[in-house]
Every structure is written in C-alpha cells, then in structure tokens.
Amino acid sequence: MAAQRARQSEVKRKTKETDIALSFALDGTGQVQCTSGVPFMDHMLTLFAVHGFFDLAIRASGDTEVDAHHTVEDLGICLGQALKNALRDFGGIRRYGFCALPMDETLVRVTLDCSNRPYLHYGVAFLEQKVGDFDTQLAKEFLRALAQHGGLTIHVEMAHGENTHHILEAIFKALGRALDEATTIDPRAQGPVSSKGSL
C-alpha cells in the first residue's frame, strides 16, 4: 500500500502565457478541485478523474482573453508530466488499458499503452466547432500534449455519435477508465512489462 500511496506528483509550470499548479494521485477516489479558467475543460477533467478514480487538483490561469488554446495545451503538458513522475519507470503496472464507453447515442473507444513511446491517433469527427465557448479542436491538443509528456500511446476512436458534448464527455470518461486499467498494479509484474526489460 505504501508504494501505491506514493504514486502521486505535483507539477508547476509558469510561462508568459500560463501559470499552472497541478497535483495528481493515481490511487485516489476521484476527488477533484479544478479551476483552470476554462470551465468546459474543468468539466472534462472532472469526468476523467472521477471515472479513473484519480485525485486531481488544478489551479491555473492563462491568456484566455486570446483564446483557451495555451491553457488547455499546457494542462495536457502538466498532467502528462505528473503522470510520468508518478509512474517512475512504468514498472509493476498492467501497462495496457481499454474502454468502450457509451454516452447516450455516442460510442467512443479509448485504447492506450503506458509505453514511454508518445503517440496519438485521434479518429474523431465533430459536428460542431464549439460547445458553448469551448473550441472542440482543443480536446485533440490536450490529448496530444498528454501523450507526449506522459509517454503514452493513445488511440481515440468514435464509433458513432451526434451530440458534440456527448462525444467529448465519452472521450474523457473513457480516457480515465482506460488509464486506470493500464496503471493498476499487477503483482505478477517484476518491473516494466516488456520483453526488453525496460520501456
């Protein structure tokens, strides 16, 4: 249990565009305190953490008077860094995770590998450019930054869907559940699960 409790990290990032403080715990209960200055992203990150049983706290500000792009991308960078710090050498975990998640008329699949090889496949076509004030293209930017800085291979595929809000919700819920599965401790694993012995 001590090793599990230690799977947490804090990241701070300050640039001319954003100022972010983030704490992340893999072995949590879905406790979330998220104030990023981008309310829709707060909603998505809450879904991610609740459905992944992660504890997540974010305090962020950014140049949202320009748009939300810098803040959302930097949130992905910080979360990826925190995840990678918490996993250390990726040892002892199942490594792979998958979730097919329905959200009313929508079905989304997220498949990921804690591989230390960043890659994002994003097979999602949105019907609407905006959900409220949120630019839906920023979801891909967040996921790309998360994959790059977290050492994740992530495949997101939309099997079908019509409501853009439902599609985005399904993506973040499925991401949480898939990451929870991939990062679950497997007592059979002696170090990273790889025939090479390391990732």
Protein backbone atom coordinates (compact mmCIF):
# COMPACT_ATOMS: atom_id res chain seq x y z
CA MET A 1 0.00 0.00 0.00
CA ALA A 2 2.88 2.39 0.71
CA ALA A 3 4.07 2.10 -2.89
CA GLN A 4 0.58 2.82 -4.15
CA ARG A 5 0.18 5.87 -1.93
CA ALA A 6 3.46 7.19 -3.31
CA ARG A 7 2.16 7.16 -6.88
CA GLN A 8 1.48 10.87 -6.95
CA SER A 9 3.15 14.01 -8.21
CA GLU A 10 2.96 17.78 -8.22
CA VAL A 11 3.87 19.91 -11.22
CA LYS A 12 4.17 23.66 -11.59
CA ARG A 13 4.55 25.38 -14.92
CA LYS A 14 4.76 29.12 -15.47
CA THR A 15 5.25 30.76 -18.85
CA LYS A 16 4.35 34.11 -20.36
CA GLU A 17 1.05 32.51 -21.40
CA THR A 18 0.02 30.31 -18.46
CA ASP A 19 0.56 29.70 -14.75
CA ILE A 20 -0.41 26.19 -13.61
CA ALA A 21 -0.10 24.24 -10.36
CA LEU A 22 -1.29 20.63 -10.60
CA SER A 23 -1.30 17.68 -8.21
CA PHE A 24 -2.23 14.19 -9.32
CA ALA A 25 -2.61 10.88 -7.47
CA LEU A 26 -3.14 7.61 -9.33
CA ASP A 27 -4.50 5.73 -6.32
CA GLY A 28 -7.26 8.10 -5.34
CA THR A 29 -11.03 8.13 -5.01
CA GLY A 30 -11.99 10.64 -7.69
CA GLN A 31 -11.59 13.80 -5.61
CA VAL A 32 -11.33 16.83 -7.89
CA GLN A 33 -10.65 20.52 -7.37
CA CYS A 34 -10.17 22.08 -10.76
CA THR A 35 -10.10 25.79 -11.55
CA SER A 36 -8.35 26.32 -14.86
CA GLY A 37 -10.08 29.40 -16.20
CA VAL A 38 -11.65 27.21 -18.91
CA PRO A 39 -14.91 25.93 -17.37
CA PHE A 40 -15.62 23.30 -20.01
CA MET A 41 -12.12 21.84 -19.56
CA ASP A 42 -12.71 21.75 -15.79
CA HIS A 43 -15.80 19.65 -16.54
CA MET A 44 -13.86 17.27 -18.81
CA LEU A 45 -11.01 16.84 -16.32
CA THR A 46 -13.52 16.18 -13.56
CA LEU A 47 -15.06 13.38 -15.63
CA PHE A 48 -11.58 11.98 -16.35
CA ALA A 49 -10.61 11.91 -12.68
CA VAL A 50 -13.93 10.66 -11.28
CA HIS A 51 -14.20 7.78 -13.73
CA GLY A 52 -10.50 6.91 -13.35
CA PHE A 53 -10.60 7.16 -9.54
CA PHE A 54 -7.75 9.68 -9.61
CA ASP A 55 -7.33 12.59 -7.23
CA LEU A 56 -6.70 15.77 -9.18
CA ALA A 57 -6.21 19.37 -8.11
CA ILE A 58 -5.56 22.16 -10.59
CA ARG A 59 -5.17 25.88 -10.16
CA ALA A 60 -4.44 27.62 -13.43
CA SER A 61 -4.64 30.94 -15.18
CA GLY A 62 -3.82 31.79 -18.74
CA ASP A 63 -4.27 34.21 -21.60
CA THR A 64 -7.87 33.18 -22.19
CA GLU A 65 -8.56 36.68 -23.48
CA VAL A 66 -6.74 35.45 -26.59
CA ASP A 67 -8.36 32.01 -26.51
CA ALA A 68 -8.15 28.83 -24.44
CA HIS A 69 -5.52 27.10 -26.58
CA HIS A 70 -2.44 27.79 -24.47
CA THR A 71 -4.16 26.90 -21.21
CA VAL A 72 -5.64 23.64 -22.49
CA GLU A 73 -2.39 22.51 -24.12
CA ASP A 74 -0.37 23.34 -21.02
CA LEU A 75 -2.84 21.43 -18.85
CA GLY A 76 -2.07 18.39 -21.01
CA ILE A 77 1.66 19.00 -20.59
CA CYS A 78 1.38 19.27 -16.80
CA LEU A 79 -0.90 16.25 -16.41
CA GLY A 80 1.40 14.18 -18.62
CA GLN A 81 4.45 15.20 -16.59
CA ALA A 82 2.67 14.41 -13.31
CA LEU A 83 1.58 11.01 -14.61
CA LYS A 84 5.08 10.14 -15.81
CA ASN A 85 6.58 11.23 -12.49
CA ALA A 86 4.05 9.11 -10.59
CA LEU A 87 4.76 6.02 -12.72
CA ARG A 88 8.56 6.40 -12.49
CA ASP A 89 9.91 3.55 -14.68
CA PHE A 90 6.43 2.25 -15.62
CA GLY A 91 7.20 -0.86 -13.56
CA GLY A 92 4.64 -3.06 -11.84
CA ILE A 93 1.60 -1.94 -13.86
CA ARG A 94 -0.62 -3.72 -16.35
CA ARG A 95 0.57 -1.24 -18.98
CA TYR A 96 -2.38 -1.56 -21.39
CA GLY A 97 -5.88 -0.17 -20.94
CA PHE A 98 -9.08 -0.12 -22.97
CA CYS A 99 -12.55 1.31 -22.58
CA ALA A 100 -15.52 1.36 -24.93
CA LEU A 101 -17.86 3.91 -23.41
CA PRO A 102 -21.45 4.72 -24.39
CA MET A 103 -22.91 8.17 -23.78
CA ASP A 104 -26.50 8.09 -24.95
CA GLU A 105 -26.26 7.94 -28.78
CA THR A 106 -22.45 8.11 -28.72
CA LEU A 107 -19.92 5.29 -28.51
CA VAL A 108 -16.23 6.08 -28.08
CA ARG A 109 -13.27 3.71 -27.68
CA VAL A 110 -10.01 4.67 -25.97
CA THR A 111 -7.07 2.26 -26.09
CA LEU A 112 -3.76 3.16 -24.51
CA ASP A 113 -0.33 1.84 -23.71
CA CYS A 114 1.91 3.22 -20.95
CA SER A 115 4.81 2.59 -23.28
CA ASN A 116 7.12 5.59 -22.94
CA ARG A 117 6.52 5.99 -26.70
CA PRO A 118 4.30 9.04 -27.24
CA TYR A 119 1.73 8.76 -29.98
CA LEU A 120 -1.85 9.95 -30.51
CA HIS A 121 -4.33 8.62 -33.04
CA TYR A 122 -7.46 10.75 -32.95
CA GLY A 123 -10.25 9.29 -35.06
CA VAL A 124 -12.96 11.77 -34.13
CA ALA A 125 -15.00 13.99 -36.41
CA PHE A 126 -17.04 16.65 -34.66
CA LEU A 127 -20.28 18.01 -35.98
CA GLU A 128 -19.85 21.34 -34.21
CA GLN A 129 -16.81 23.60 -33.85
CA LYS A 130 -17.93 24.94 -30.49
CA VAL A 131 -19.56 23.64 -27.32
CA GLY A 132 -20.55 26.85 -25.61
CA ASP A 133 -17.35 28.91 -25.76
CA PHE A 134 -15.07 25.86 -25.97
CA ASP A 135 -13.27 25.13 -29.25
CA THR A 136 -13.69 21.37 -29.73
CA GLN A 137 -10.36 21.12 -31.59
CA LEU A 138 -8.63 21.78 -28.26
CA ALA A 139 -9.53 18.30 -26.99
CA LYS A 140 -7.08 16.87 -29.52
CA GLU A 141 -4.42 19.40 -28.48
CA PHE A 142 -4.83 18.38 -24.84
CA LEU A 143 -4.56 14.68 -25.65
CA ARG A 144 -1.51 15.21 -27.86
CA ALA A 145 0.27 17.06 -25.05
CA LEU A 146 -0.77 14.41 -22.53
CA ALA A 147 0.58 11.62 -24.74
CA GLN A 148 3.83 13.46 -25.48
CA HIS A 149 4.68 14.34 -21.90
CA GLY A 150 3.17 11.27 -20.24
CA GLY A 151 4.89 8.73 -22.50
CA LEU A 152 1.56 7.32 -23.66
CA THR A 153 0.35 5.74 -26.86
CA ILE A 154 -3.32 6.76 -27.11
CA HIS A 155 -5.87 5.74 -29.72
CA VAL A 156 -9.23 7.51 -29.61
CA GLU A 157 -11.95 6.34 -31.98
CA MET A 158 -15.56 7.42 -32.27
CA ALA A 159 -17.70 4.50 -33.40
CA HIS A 160 -20.73 6.76 -33.73
CA GLY A 161 -22.24 9.88 -32.21
CA GLU A 162 -24.24 13.00 -32.96
CA ASN A 163 -24.10 15.31 -29.94
CA THR A 164 -20.70 17.00 -29.68
CA HIS A 165 -20.98 17.45 -25.90
CA HIS A 166 -21.71 13.72 -25.51
CA ILE A 167 -18.74 12.82 -27.72
CA LEU A 168 -16.32 14.89 -25.65
CA GLU A 169 -17.72 13.56 -22.38
CA ALA A 170 -17.36 9.99 -23.62
CA ILE A 171 -13.72 10.62 -24.63
CA PHE A 172 -12.68 11.92 -21.22
CA LYS A 173 -14.62 9.30 -19.27
CA ALA A 174 -13.14 6.52 -21.40
CA LEU A 175 -9.66 8.04 -21.05
CA GLY A 176 -9.99 7.91 -17.27
CA ARG A 177 -11.16 4.31 -17.21
CA ALA A 178 -8.54 3.12 -19.70
CA LEU A 179 -5.74 4.85 -17.81
CA ASP A 180 -6.99 3.40 -14.53
CA GLU A 181 -6.82 -0.09 -16.03
CA ALA A 182 -3.38 0.46 -17.53
CA THR A 183 -1.86 1.84 -14.33
CA THR A 184 -3.34 -0.78 -12.00
CA ILE A 185 -0.65 -2.62 -10.07
CA ASP A 186 -0.20 -6.21 -11.22
CA PRO A 187 1.53 -8.27 -8.50
CA ARG A 188 2.90 -10.59 -11.19
CA ALA A 189 4.84 -7.80 -12.87
CA GLN A 190 8.51 -7.62 -11.96
CA GLY A 191 9.42 -4.21 -13.29
CA PRO A 192 8.10 -2.88 -16.62
CA VAL A 193 6.01 -5.34 -18.62
CA SER A 194 8.31 -5.69 -21.62
CA SER A 195 10.35 -8.48 -23.17
CA LYS A 196 13.20 -5.95 -23.36
CA GLY A 197 13.14 -5.42 -19.60
CA SER A 198 12.61 -1.67 -19.86
CA LEU A 199 10.49 0.85 -21.70
